[in-house]
N, C-alpha and C. Protein backbone atom coordinates (compact mmCIF):
# COMPACT_ATOMS: atom_id res chain seq x y z
N UNK A 1 -10.35 2.27 -38.49
CA UNK A 1 -9.48 1.88 -39.56
C UNK A 1 -9.53 2.91 -40.69
N UNK A 2 -10.73 3.36 -41.02
CA UNK A 2 -10.86 4.33 -42.10
C UNK A 2 -10.15 5.65 -41.75
N UNK A 3 -10.21 6.03 -40.49
CA UNK A 3 -9.53 7.26 -40.08
C UNK A 3 -8.02 7.13 -40.26
N UNK A 4 -7.47 5.96 -39.93
CA UNK A 4 -6.03 5.74 -40.10
C UNK A 4 -5.64 5.79 -41.57
N UNK A 5 -6.48 5.24 -42.42
CA UNK A 5 -6.21 5.31 -43.87
C UNK A 5 -6.30 6.77 -44.32
N UNK A 6 -7.25 7.50 -43.76
CA UNK A 6 -7.45 8.91 -44.10
C UNK A 6 -6.19 9.73 -43.77
N UNK A 7 -5.56 9.43 -42.64
CA UNK A 7 -4.35 10.16 -42.20
C UNK A 7 -3.06 9.61 -42.78
N UNK A 8 -3.14 8.54 -43.52
CA UNK A 8 -1.97 7.80 -43.97
C UNK A 8 -0.92 8.64 -44.70
N UNK A 9 -1.31 9.63 -45.49
CA UNK A 9 -0.32 10.39 -46.26
C UNK A 9 0.19 11.63 -45.54
N UNK A 10 -0.29 11.91 -44.33
CA UNK A 10 0.18 13.09 -43.59
C UNK A 10 1.70 13.11 -43.41
N UNK A 11 2.35 12.02 -43.01
CA UNK A 11 3.80 12.07 -42.77
C UNK A 11 4.65 12.41 -43.99
N UNK A 12 4.14 12.22 -45.19
CA UNK A 12 4.97 12.38 -46.39
C UNK A 12 5.26 13.83 -46.78
N UNK A 13 4.58 14.78 -46.22
CA UNK A 13 4.80 16.16 -46.61
C UNK A 13 5.72 16.95 -45.70
N UNK A 14 6.17 16.34 -44.60
CA UNK A 14 7.03 17.06 -43.67
C UNK A 14 8.43 17.22 -44.23
N UNK A 15 9.11 18.29 -43.82
CA UNK A 15 10.50 18.49 -44.22
C UNK A 15 11.39 17.54 -43.43
N UNK A 16 12.63 17.46 -43.80
CA UNK A 16 13.53 16.42 -43.27
C UNK A 16 13.80 16.54 -41.77
N UNK A 17 13.66 17.73 -41.17
CA UNK A 17 13.92 17.88 -39.74
C UNK A 17 12.72 17.48 -38.87
N UNK A 18 11.58 17.18 -39.50
CA UNK A 18 10.38 16.84 -38.74
C UNK A 18 10.07 15.35 -38.87
N UNK A 19 9.85 14.73 -37.73
CA UNK A 19 9.51 13.31 -37.70
C UNK A 19 8.13 13.15 -37.06
N UNK A 20 7.10 12.89 -37.84
CA UNK A 20 5.76 12.75 -37.27
C UNK A 20 5.56 11.37 -36.63
N UNK A 21 4.78 11.37 -35.56
CA UNK A 21 4.39 10.14 -34.88
C UNK A 21 2.87 10.17 -34.81
N UNK A 22 2.23 9.20 -35.44
CA UNK A 22 0.77 9.17 -35.47
C UNK A 22 0.29 7.89 -34.82
N UNK A 23 -0.60 8.03 -33.86
CA UNK A 23 -1.23 6.89 -33.23
C UNK A 23 -2.71 7.22 -33.08
N UNK A 24 -3.54 6.49 -33.82
CA UNK A 24 -4.99 6.74 -33.87
C UNK A 24 -5.22 8.20 -34.26
N UNK A 25 -5.87 8.98 -33.40
CA UNK A 25 -6.14 10.38 -33.75
C UNK A 25 -5.16 11.34 -33.08
N UNK A 26 -4.08 10.81 -32.53
CA UNK A 26 -3.08 11.62 -31.83
C UNK A 26 -1.86 11.79 -32.73
N UNK A 27 -1.52 13.02 -33.04
CA UNK A 27 -0.38 13.29 -33.91
C UNK A 27 0.65 14.12 -33.15
N UNK A 28 1.88 13.65 -33.16
CA UNK A 28 2.99 14.38 -32.55
C UNK A 28 4.08 14.55 -33.60
N UNK A 29 4.86 15.61 -33.45
CA UNK A 29 5.95 15.86 -34.39
C UNK A 29 7.21 16.13 -33.58
N UNK A 30 8.27 15.40 -33.89
CA UNK A 30 9.57 15.64 -33.26
C UNK A 30 10.40 16.48 -34.21
N UNK A 31 10.95 17.57 -33.70
CA UNK A 31 11.79 18.47 -34.50
C UNK A 31 13.16 18.57 -33.86
N UNK A 32 14.16 18.77 -34.68
CA UNK A 32 15.49 19.00 -34.14
C UNK A 32 16.06 20.27 -34.77
N UNK A 33 16.91 20.94 -34.00
CA UNK A 33 17.52 22.18 -34.49
C UNK A 33 18.77 22.45 -33.67
N UNK A 34 19.66 23.25 -34.26
CA UNK A 34 20.91 23.62 -33.58
C UNK A 34 20.82 24.96 -32.88
N UNK A 35 19.79 25.75 -33.17
CA UNK A 35 19.65 27.07 -32.55
C UNK A 35 18.17 27.38 -32.34
N UNK A 36 17.92 28.39 -31.52
CA UNK A 36 16.55 28.84 -31.26
C UNK A 36 15.87 29.31 -32.55
N UNK A 37 16.61 30.06 -33.37
CA UNK A 37 16.05 30.59 -34.62
C UNK A 37 15.69 29.45 -35.57
N UNK A 38 16.56 28.46 -35.68
CA UNK A 38 16.28 27.31 -36.54
C UNK A 38 15.09 26.52 -36.02
N UNK A 39 15.01 26.38 -34.70
CA UNK A 39 13.88 25.67 -34.10
C UNK A 39 12.57 26.41 -34.39
N UNK A 40 12.58 27.72 -34.24
CA UNK A 40 11.40 28.55 -34.54
C UNK A 40 10.98 28.35 -35.99
N UNK A 41 11.94 28.39 -36.89
CA UNK A 41 11.65 28.22 -38.31
C UNK A 41 11.10 26.82 -38.61
N UNK A 42 11.74 25.79 -38.07
CA UNK A 42 11.27 24.41 -38.26
C UNK A 42 9.87 24.21 -37.70
N UNK A 43 9.62 24.81 -36.55
CA UNK A 43 8.30 24.70 -35.92
C UNK A 43 7.24 25.36 -36.79
N UNK A 44 7.53 26.55 -37.28
CA UNK A 44 6.57 27.25 -38.14
C UNK A 44 6.30 26.48 -39.43
N UNK A 45 7.35 25.90 -40.02
CA UNK A 45 7.16 25.09 -41.23
C UNK A 45 6.27 23.88 -40.95
N UNK A 46 6.52 23.21 -39.84
CA UNK A 46 5.73 22.03 -39.49
C UNK A 46 4.27 22.39 -39.23
N UNK A 47 4.05 23.46 -38.47
CA UNK A 47 2.66 23.87 -38.17
C UNK A 47 1.97 24.35 -39.44
N UNK A 48 2.68 25.10 -40.30
CA UNK A 48 2.10 25.53 -41.59
C UNK A 48 1.66 24.33 -42.41
N UNK A 49 2.55 23.35 -42.54
CA UNK A 49 2.22 22.17 -43.33
C UNK A 49 1.01 21.45 -42.75
N UNK A 50 1.02 21.25 -41.43
CA UNK A 50 -0.10 20.53 -40.81
C UNK A 50 -1.41 21.29 -40.95
N UNK A 51 -1.37 22.61 -40.77
CA UNK A 51 -2.59 23.41 -40.91
C UNK A 51 -3.14 23.29 -42.32
N UNK A 52 -2.29 23.39 -43.32
CA UNK A 52 -2.73 23.28 -44.71
C UNK A 52 -3.23 21.87 -45.01
N UNK A 53 -2.53 20.85 -44.53
CA UNK A 53 -2.94 19.48 -44.79
C UNK A 53 -4.30 19.20 -44.15
N UNK A 54 -4.45 19.60 -42.89
CA UNK A 54 -5.72 19.38 -42.21
C UNK A 54 -6.86 20.12 -42.91
N UNK A 55 -6.61 21.35 -43.31
CA UNK A 55 -7.63 22.14 -44.01
C UNK A 55 -8.01 21.48 -45.34
N UNK A 56 -7.03 21.03 -46.11
CA UNK A 56 -7.30 20.39 -47.40
C UNK A 56 -8.07 19.08 -47.24
N UNK A 57 -7.97 18.46 -46.06
CA UNK A 57 -8.64 17.20 -45.81
C UNK A 57 -9.86 17.36 -44.89
N UNK A 58 -10.37 18.59 -44.83
CA UNK A 58 -11.59 18.91 -44.05
C UNK A 58 -11.44 18.57 -42.56
N UNK A 59 -10.25 18.79 -42.04
CA UNK A 59 -10.00 18.62 -40.62
C UNK A 59 -9.47 19.94 -40.07
N UNK A 60 -9.37 20.02 -38.74
CA UNK A 60 -8.89 21.25 -38.11
C UNK A 60 -7.79 20.90 -37.12
N UNK A 61 -6.70 21.65 -37.18
CA UNK A 61 -5.64 21.53 -36.19
C UNK A 61 -6.04 22.38 -35.00
N UNK A 62 -6.28 21.74 -33.86
CA UNK A 62 -6.74 22.44 -32.66
C UNK A 62 -5.52 23.04 -31.95
N UNK A 63 -5.31 24.32 -32.13
CA UNK A 63 -4.15 24.98 -31.53
C UNK A 63 -4.26 25.07 -30.00
N UNK A 64 -5.49 24.96 -29.47
CA UNK A 64 -5.65 24.99 -28.02
C UNK A 64 -5.14 23.69 -27.37
N UNK A 65 -5.13 22.61 -28.15
CA UNK A 65 -4.61 21.33 -27.64
C UNK A 65 -3.16 21.10 -28.05
N UNK A 66 -2.58 22.04 -28.75
CA UNK A 66 -1.21 21.91 -29.22
C UNK A 66 -0.25 22.27 -28.09
N UNK A 67 0.67 21.37 -27.80
CA UNK A 67 1.67 21.58 -26.76
C UNK A 67 3.06 21.46 -27.35
N UNK A 68 3.97 22.18 -26.75
CA UNK A 68 5.37 22.14 -27.19
C UNK A 68 6.24 21.86 -25.97
N UNK A 69 7.11 20.88 -26.12
CA UNK A 69 8.10 20.59 -25.08
C UNK A 69 9.45 20.67 -25.75
N UNK A 70 10.35 21.38 -25.12
CA UNK A 70 11.71 21.50 -25.65
C UNK A 70 12.63 20.62 -24.83
N UNK A 71 13.19 19.60 -25.48
CA UNK A 71 14.13 18.69 -24.84
C UNK A 71 15.53 19.18 -25.12
N UNK A 72 16.28 19.49 -24.07
CA UNK A 72 17.67 19.91 -24.22
C UNK A 72 18.47 19.30 -23.07
N UNK A 73 19.79 19.38 -23.21
CA UNK A 73 20.61 18.96 -22.08
C UNK A 73 20.49 20.03 -21.00
N UNK A 74 20.77 19.66 -19.77
CA UNK A 74 20.64 20.62 -18.67
C UNK A 74 21.52 21.85 -18.85
N UNK A 75 22.63 21.71 -19.55
CA UNK A 75 23.53 22.83 -19.76
C UNK A 75 22.89 23.91 -20.65
N UNK A 76 22.04 23.47 -21.57
CA UNK A 76 21.47 24.41 -22.53
C UNK A 76 20.02 24.75 -22.22
N UNK A 77 19.53 24.36 -21.05
CA UNK A 77 18.12 24.57 -20.71
C UNK A 77 17.79 26.06 -20.67
N UNK A 78 16.70 26.40 -21.31
CA UNK A 78 16.22 27.78 -21.28
C UNK A 78 14.83 27.80 -20.67
N UNK A 79 14.56 28.80 -19.88
CA UNK A 79 13.24 28.95 -19.28
C UNK A 79 12.33 29.72 -20.21
N UNK A 80 11.04 29.63 -19.96
CA UNK A 80 10.04 30.38 -20.71
C UNK A 80 10.12 30.14 -22.21
N UNK A 81 10.22 28.92 -22.62
CA UNK A 81 10.27 28.59 -24.04
C UNK A 81 8.92 28.90 -24.67
N UNK A 82 8.95 29.66 -25.77
CA UNK A 82 7.71 30.05 -26.45
C UNK A 82 7.93 30.03 -27.95
N UNK A 83 6.87 29.71 -28.66
CA UNK A 83 6.87 29.76 -30.11
C UNK A 83 5.76 30.71 -30.53
N UNK A 84 6.05 31.56 -31.48
CA UNK A 84 5.04 32.48 -32.01
C UNK A 84 4.67 31.99 -33.40
N UNK A 85 3.39 31.70 -33.58
CA UNK A 85 2.89 31.21 -34.87
C UNK A 85 1.74 32.10 -35.31
N UNK A 86 1.93 32.82 -36.40
CA UNK A 86 0.93 33.76 -36.93
C UNK A 86 0.41 34.69 -35.83
N UNK A 87 1.35 35.31 -35.13
CA UNK A 87 1.06 36.26 -34.06
C UNK A 87 0.32 35.65 -32.87
N UNK A 88 0.31 34.34 -32.77
CA UNK A 88 -0.28 33.67 -31.63
C UNK A 88 0.83 33.00 -30.85
N UNK A 89 0.88 33.25 -29.56
CA UNK A 89 1.91 32.71 -28.68
C UNK A 89 1.53 31.28 -28.26
N UNK A 90 2.43 30.36 -28.49
CA UNK A 90 2.26 28.99 -28.01
C UNK A 90 3.35 28.76 -26.97
N UNK A 91 2.95 28.70 -25.73
CA UNK A 91 3.92 28.53 -24.64
C UNK A 91 4.32 27.07 -24.53
N UNK A 92 5.55 26.88 -24.12
CA UNK A 92 6.04 25.53 -23.90
C UNK A 92 5.51 24.97 -22.59
N UNK A 93 5.41 23.66 -22.51
CA UNK A 93 5.01 22.99 -21.28
C UNK A 93 6.17 22.13 -20.81
N UNK A 94 6.15 21.77 -19.55
CA UNK A 94 7.23 20.95 -18.99
C UNK A 94 7.00 19.47 -19.18
N UNK A 95 5.73 19.07 -19.33
CA UNK A 95 5.39 17.65 -19.43
C UNK A 95 4.29 17.46 -20.45
N UNK A 96 4.40 16.40 -21.24
CA UNK A 96 3.33 16.01 -22.16
C UNK A 96 2.97 14.56 -21.91
N UNK A 97 1.78 14.19 -22.33
CA UNK A 97 1.36 12.80 -22.24
C UNK A 97 1.27 12.25 -23.65
N UNK A 98 2.09 11.27 -23.94
CA UNK A 98 2.11 10.61 -25.24
C UNK A 98 1.67 9.18 -25.00
N UNK A 99 0.46 8.85 -25.47
CA UNK A 99 -0.22 7.60 -25.12
C UNK A 99 -0.37 7.59 -23.60
N UNK A 100 0.27 6.68 -22.89
CA UNK A 100 0.18 6.71 -21.42
C UNK A 100 1.51 7.11 -20.78
N UNK A 101 2.48 7.48 -21.60
CA UNK A 101 3.77 7.91 -21.07
C UNK A 101 3.75 9.41 -20.79
N UNK A 102 4.14 9.78 -19.60
CA UNK A 102 4.29 11.19 -19.24
C UNK A 102 5.76 11.54 -19.44
N UNK A 103 6.02 12.39 -20.42
CA UNK A 103 7.40 12.72 -20.78
C UNK A 103 7.67 14.16 -20.37
N UNK A 104 8.72 14.37 -19.57
CA UNK A 104 9.05 15.73 -19.17
C UNK A 104 10.28 16.23 -19.93
N UNK A 105 10.49 17.52 -19.86
CA UNK A 105 11.54 18.16 -20.65
C UNK A 105 12.94 17.67 -20.30
N UNK A 106 13.12 17.14 -19.10
CA UNK A 106 14.44 16.65 -18.67
C UNK A 106 14.63 15.17 -18.96
N UNK A 107 13.59 14.50 -19.39
CA UNK A 107 13.61 13.06 -19.65
C UNK A 107 14.10 12.25 -18.45
N UNK A 108 13.69 12.67 -17.24
CA UNK A 108 14.08 11.92 -16.06
C UNK A 108 12.99 10.95 -15.59
N UNK A 109 11.82 10.97 -16.19
CA UNK A 109 10.71 10.05 -15.97
C UNK A 109 10.09 10.15 -14.60
N UNK A 110 10.43 11.16 -13.84
CA UNK A 110 9.86 11.32 -12.50
C UNK A 110 8.34 11.51 -12.57
N UNK A 111 7.87 12.34 -13.48
CA UNK A 111 6.43 12.60 -13.62
C UNK A 111 5.70 11.33 -14.02
N UNK A 112 6.27 10.58 -14.95
CA UNK A 112 5.62 9.34 -15.39
C UNK A 112 5.46 8.36 -14.23
N UNK A 113 6.51 8.19 -13.46
CA UNK A 113 6.47 7.24 -12.36
C UNK A 113 5.53 7.72 -11.26
N UNK A 114 5.47 9.03 -11.02
CA UNK A 114 4.52 9.56 -10.04
C UNK A 114 3.08 9.28 -10.46
N UNK A 115 2.80 9.27 -11.76
CA UNK A 115 1.47 8.94 -12.26
C UNK A 115 1.23 7.43 -12.29
N UNK A 116 2.27 6.66 -12.37
CA UNK A 116 2.18 5.20 -12.43
C UNK A 116 1.96 4.58 -11.05
N UNK A 117 2.59 5.13 -10.03
CA UNK A 117 2.55 4.54 -8.70
C UNK A 117 1.14 4.38 -8.12
N UNK A 118 0.24 5.35 -8.23
CA UNK A 118 -1.11 5.12 -7.68
C UNK A 118 -1.85 3.95 -8.34
N UNK A 119 -1.67 3.78 -9.64
CA UNK A 119 -2.31 2.66 -10.33
C UNK A 119 -1.74 1.33 -9.83
N UNK A 120 -0.43 1.29 -9.67
CA UNK A 120 0.21 0.06 -9.21
C UNK A 120 -0.11 -0.21 -7.74
N UNK A 121 -0.22 0.83 -6.94
CA UNK A 121 -0.60 0.66 -5.53
C UNK A 121 -2.01 0.11 -5.41
N UNK A 122 -2.91 0.56 -6.29
CA UNK A 122 -4.27 0.03 -6.30
C UNK A 122 -4.28 -1.44 -6.65
N UNK A 123 -3.45 -1.84 -7.60
CA UNK A 123 -3.35 -3.26 -7.97
C UNK A 123 -2.80 -4.07 -6.80
N UNK A 124 -1.84 -3.52 -6.09
CA UNK A 124 -1.25 -4.19 -4.94
C UNK A 124 -2.32 -4.38 -3.85
N UNK A 125 -3.10 -3.35 -3.61
CA UNK A 125 -4.18 -3.42 -2.63
C UNK A 125 -5.20 -4.48 -3.03
N UNK A 126 -5.55 -4.51 -4.33
CA UNK A 126 -6.51 -5.49 -4.84
C UNK A 126 -6.02 -6.91 -4.57
N UNK A 127 -4.78 -7.17 -4.87
CA UNK A 127 -4.23 -8.51 -4.67
C UNK A 127 -4.15 -8.86 -3.18
N UNK A 128 -3.82 -7.89 -2.36
CA UNK A 128 -3.78 -8.13 -0.91
C UNK A 128 -5.18 -8.50 -0.40
N UNK A 129 -6.20 -7.84 -0.92
CA UNK A 129 -7.59 -8.15 -0.53
C UNK A 129 -8.05 -9.51 -1.07
N UNK A 130 -7.53 -9.89 -2.23
CA UNK A 130 -7.94 -11.14 -2.87
C UNK A 130 -7.17 -12.36 -2.34
N UNK A 131 -6.07 -12.13 -1.65
CA UNK A 131 -5.20 -13.21 -1.19
C UNK A 131 -5.95 -14.30 -0.42
N UNK A 132 -6.80 -13.95 0.54
CA UNK A 132 -7.48 -15.01 1.28
C UNK A 132 -8.52 -15.78 0.45
N UNK A 133 -8.95 -15.22 -0.66
CA UNK A 133 -10.04 -15.80 -1.43
C UNK A 133 -9.60 -16.68 -2.60
N UNK A 134 -8.39 -16.46 -3.10
CA UNK A 134 -7.97 -17.13 -4.32
C UNK A 134 -6.65 -17.87 -4.14
N UNK A 135 -6.42 -18.83 -5.02
CA UNK A 135 -5.15 -19.56 -5.00
C UNK A 135 -4.06 -18.75 -5.71
N UNK A 136 -2.83 -19.24 -5.65
CA UNK A 136 -1.68 -18.54 -6.22
C UNK A 136 -1.83 -18.33 -7.72
N UNK A 137 -2.33 -19.32 -8.42
CA UNK A 137 -2.49 -19.22 -9.87
C UNK A 137 -3.43 -18.07 -10.25
N UNK A 138 -4.53 -17.94 -9.55
CA UNK A 138 -5.49 -16.87 -9.82
C UNK A 138 -4.90 -15.51 -9.45
N UNK A 139 -4.17 -15.46 -8.35
CA UNK A 139 -3.53 -14.20 -7.95
C UNK A 139 -2.50 -13.75 -8.99
N UNK A 140 -1.79 -14.72 -9.58
CA UNK A 140 -0.83 -14.38 -10.65
C UNK A 140 -1.55 -13.80 -11.86
N UNK A 141 -2.71 -14.37 -12.18
CA UNK A 141 -3.48 -13.83 -13.32
C UNK A 141 -3.92 -12.40 -13.03
N UNK A 142 -4.34 -12.15 -11.81
CA UNK A 142 -4.73 -10.78 -11.42
C UNK A 142 -3.52 -9.86 -11.48
N UNK A 143 -2.36 -10.35 -11.02
CA UNK A 143 -1.13 -9.57 -11.08
C UNK A 143 -0.81 -9.17 -12.52
N UNK A 144 -0.84 -10.12 -13.44
CA UNK A 144 -0.51 -9.82 -14.84
C UNK A 144 -1.53 -8.87 -15.47
N UNK A 145 -2.77 -8.98 -15.10
CA UNK A 145 -3.80 -8.13 -15.68
C UNK A 145 -3.75 -6.70 -15.14
N UNK A 146 -3.56 -6.55 -13.82
CA UNK A 146 -3.69 -5.23 -13.21
C UNK A 146 -2.38 -4.55 -12.85
N UNK A 147 -1.32 -5.29 -12.68
CA UNK A 147 -0.05 -4.69 -12.28
C UNK A 147 0.96 -4.75 -13.41
N UNK A 148 1.30 -5.96 -13.82
CA UNK A 148 2.37 -6.15 -14.79
C UNK A 148 2.10 -5.44 -16.12
N UNK A 149 0.88 -5.50 -16.62
CA UNK A 149 0.56 -4.87 -17.90
C UNK A 149 0.74 -3.35 -17.84
N UNK A 150 0.40 -2.76 -16.70
CA UNK A 150 0.57 -1.31 -16.52
C UNK A 150 2.04 -0.96 -16.36
N UNK A 151 2.74 -1.75 -15.55
CA UNK A 151 4.16 -1.49 -15.29
C UNK A 151 5.00 -1.66 -16.56
N UNK A 152 4.69 -2.67 -17.35
CA UNK A 152 5.52 -3.03 -18.49
C UNK A 152 5.49 -2.00 -19.63
N UNK A 153 4.39 -1.25 -19.76
CA UNK A 153 4.28 -0.33 -20.87
C UNK A 153 5.34 0.78 -20.76
N UNK A 154 6.21 0.85 -21.72
CA UNK A 154 7.25 1.89 -21.77
C UNK A 154 8.42 1.66 -20.84
N UNK A 155 8.51 0.48 -20.24
CA UNK A 155 9.59 0.22 -19.29
C UNK A 155 10.96 0.34 -19.93
N UNK A 156 11.04 0.11 -21.24
CA UNK A 156 12.34 0.24 -21.92
C UNK A 156 12.84 1.68 -21.86
N UNK A 157 11.93 2.64 -21.67
CA UNK A 157 12.33 4.04 -21.57
C UNK A 157 12.63 4.44 -20.13
N UNK A 158 11.70 4.14 -19.22
CA UNK A 158 11.82 4.64 -17.86
C UNK A 158 12.45 3.65 -16.88
N UNK A 159 12.67 2.41 -17.29
CA UNK A 159 13.14 1.37 -16.38
C UNK A 159 14.50 1.60 -15.76
N UNK A 160 15.35 2.37 -16.39
CA UNK A 160 16.69 2.63 -15.84
C UNK A 160 16.77 3.94 -15.08
N UNK A 161 15.66 4.66 -14.94
CA UNK A 161 15.69 5.95 -14.24
C UNK A 161 15.81 5.72 -12.73
N UNK A 162 16.27 6.75 -12.05
CA UNK A 162 16.45 6.66 -10.60
C UNK A 162 15.12 6.43 -9.89
N UNK A 163 14.04 6.98 -10.42
CA UNK A 163 12.72 6.86 -9.80
C UNK A 163 12.13 5.46 -9.93
N UNK A 164 12.63 4.66 -10.85
CA UNK A 164 12.04 3.33 -11.11
C UNK A 164 12.13 2.42 -9.89
N UNK A 165 13.02 2.70 -9.00
CA UNK A 165 13.19 1.89 -7.79
C UNK A 165 11.86 1.76 -7.03
N UNK A 166 11.08 2.83 -6.99
CA UNK A 166 9.79 2.81 -6.29
C UNK A 166 8.84 1.79 -6.91
N UNK A 167 8.85 1.69 -8.22
CA UNK A 167 7.99 0.73 -8.92
C UNK A 167 8.43 -0.69 -8.59
N UNK A 168 9.71 -0.94 -8.61
CA UNK A 168 10.20 -2.29 -8.38
C UNK A 168 10.05 -2.71 -6.91
N UNK A 169 10.05 -1.74 -5.99
CA UNK A 169 9.76 -2.06 -4.59
C UNK A 169 8.29 -2.49 -4.43
N UNK A 170 7.39 -1.82 -5.15
CA UNK A 170 5.98 -2.23 -5.14
C UNK A 170 5.82 -3.62 -5.74
N UNK A 171 6.57 -3.90 -6.77
CA UNK A 171 6.50 -5.21 -7.40
C UNK A 171 6.96 -6.29 -6.42
N UNK A 172 8.02 -6.02 -5.66
CA UNK A 172 8.47 -6.97 -4.64
C UNK A 172 7.39 -7.20 -3.60
N UNK A 173 6.74 -6.11 -3.20
CA UNK A 173 5.67 -6.22 -2.20
C UNK A 173 4.55 -7.12 -2.70
N UNK A 174 4.19 -6.94 -3.95
CA UNK A 174 3.09 -7.73 -4.51
C UNK A 174 3.48 -9.21 -4.62
N UNK A 175 4.75 -9.49 -4.93
CA UNK A 175 5.22 -10.88 -4.97
C UNK A 175 5.15 -11.52 -3.59
N UNK A 176 5.49 -10.74 -2.55
CA UNK A 176 5.40 -11.25 -1.19
C UNK A 176 3.96 -11.59 -0.83
N UNK A 177 3.04 -10.74 -1.24
CA UNK A 177 1.63 -11.00 -0.97
C UNK A 177 1.18 -12.27 -1.67
N UNK A 178 1.50 -12.40 -2.96
CA UNK A 178 1.07 -13.57 -3.75
C UNK A 178 1.63 -14.87 -3.17
N UNK A 179 2.89 -14.84 -2.73
CA UNK A 179 3.53 -16.06 -2.21
C UNK A 179 3.29 -16.27 -0.71
N UNK A 180 2.66 -15.29 -0.07
CA UNK A 180 2.41 -15.41 1.37
C UNK A 180 3.66 -15.24 2.20
N UNK A 181 4.66 -14.57 1.66
CA UNK A 181 5.94 -14.36 2.36
C UNK A 181 5.80 -13.24 3.38
N UNK A 182 6.64 -13.26 4.42
CA UNK A 182 6.60 -12.15 5.38
C UNK A 182 7.06 -10.84 4.76
N UNK A 183 6.68 -9.71 5.35
CA UNK A 183 6.98 -8.39 4.76
C UNK A 183 8.44 -8.10 4.49
N UNK A 184 9.36 -8.66 5.26
CA UNK A 184 10.79 -8.37 5.09
C UNK A 184 11.52 -9.42 4.23
N UNK A 185 10.80 -10.38 3.70
CA UNK A 185 11.44 -11.42 2.89
C UNK A 185 12.03 -10.83 1.64
N UNK A 186 13.17 -11.36 1.18
CA UNK A 186 13.81 -10.84 -0.03
C UNK A 186 13.58 -11.73 -1.21
C-alpha cells in the first residue's frame, strides 16, 4: 500500500500524448503519434520524465526491462521498430505481457490464447481425474477455481478473436466431463 501511495503522483507529470498505466510495481505508458518522428519525440519525452521522476524519488528506471511495442494497422506496419534514447538503442518487441495478458503488435490475441490453452488444458485434465471422486457441485467449484477464473480474465479483449474458439471448445469439453455427457454431446 505504501508503495502505491509513493507512486501516486507519477501520472501527473506526463504530457498529453502519454497515458500511464500503473498496477502495483508495473508501469506502462501508452503513447500516440501521427508520424515516426512524433512518436520518437513523444517516447523520448516520456522516458525523460520517468527517468527524472524515478531519480528524484530514489528509484531507478530499469532500461533492460523496458519494452516497446508499436501498435499500427497492418497497412502501416513497419519492421525493425527502434527507439534511440540517449544514444542507447531500444528495440521494439512483438509481444508484451501486461499483468497476465499477452498483447502482440497486431492485437490478434493469438499469443495470449496460446499461453492460456496449456493452463486451461491442465484444469480440464484435473477435472477429468476428479470426476469419479467428487459430485457435480464439487466439480463445478473446481471448474470455477481452476478454469473459469483463468479464462475470464481479459475475455472482454480477446473473446471475439478468431483464436478464442479453441478456448471455448475446451470449455465445452470440461462441461461434458462435469455432466458425464458423451464426448460428442452438444
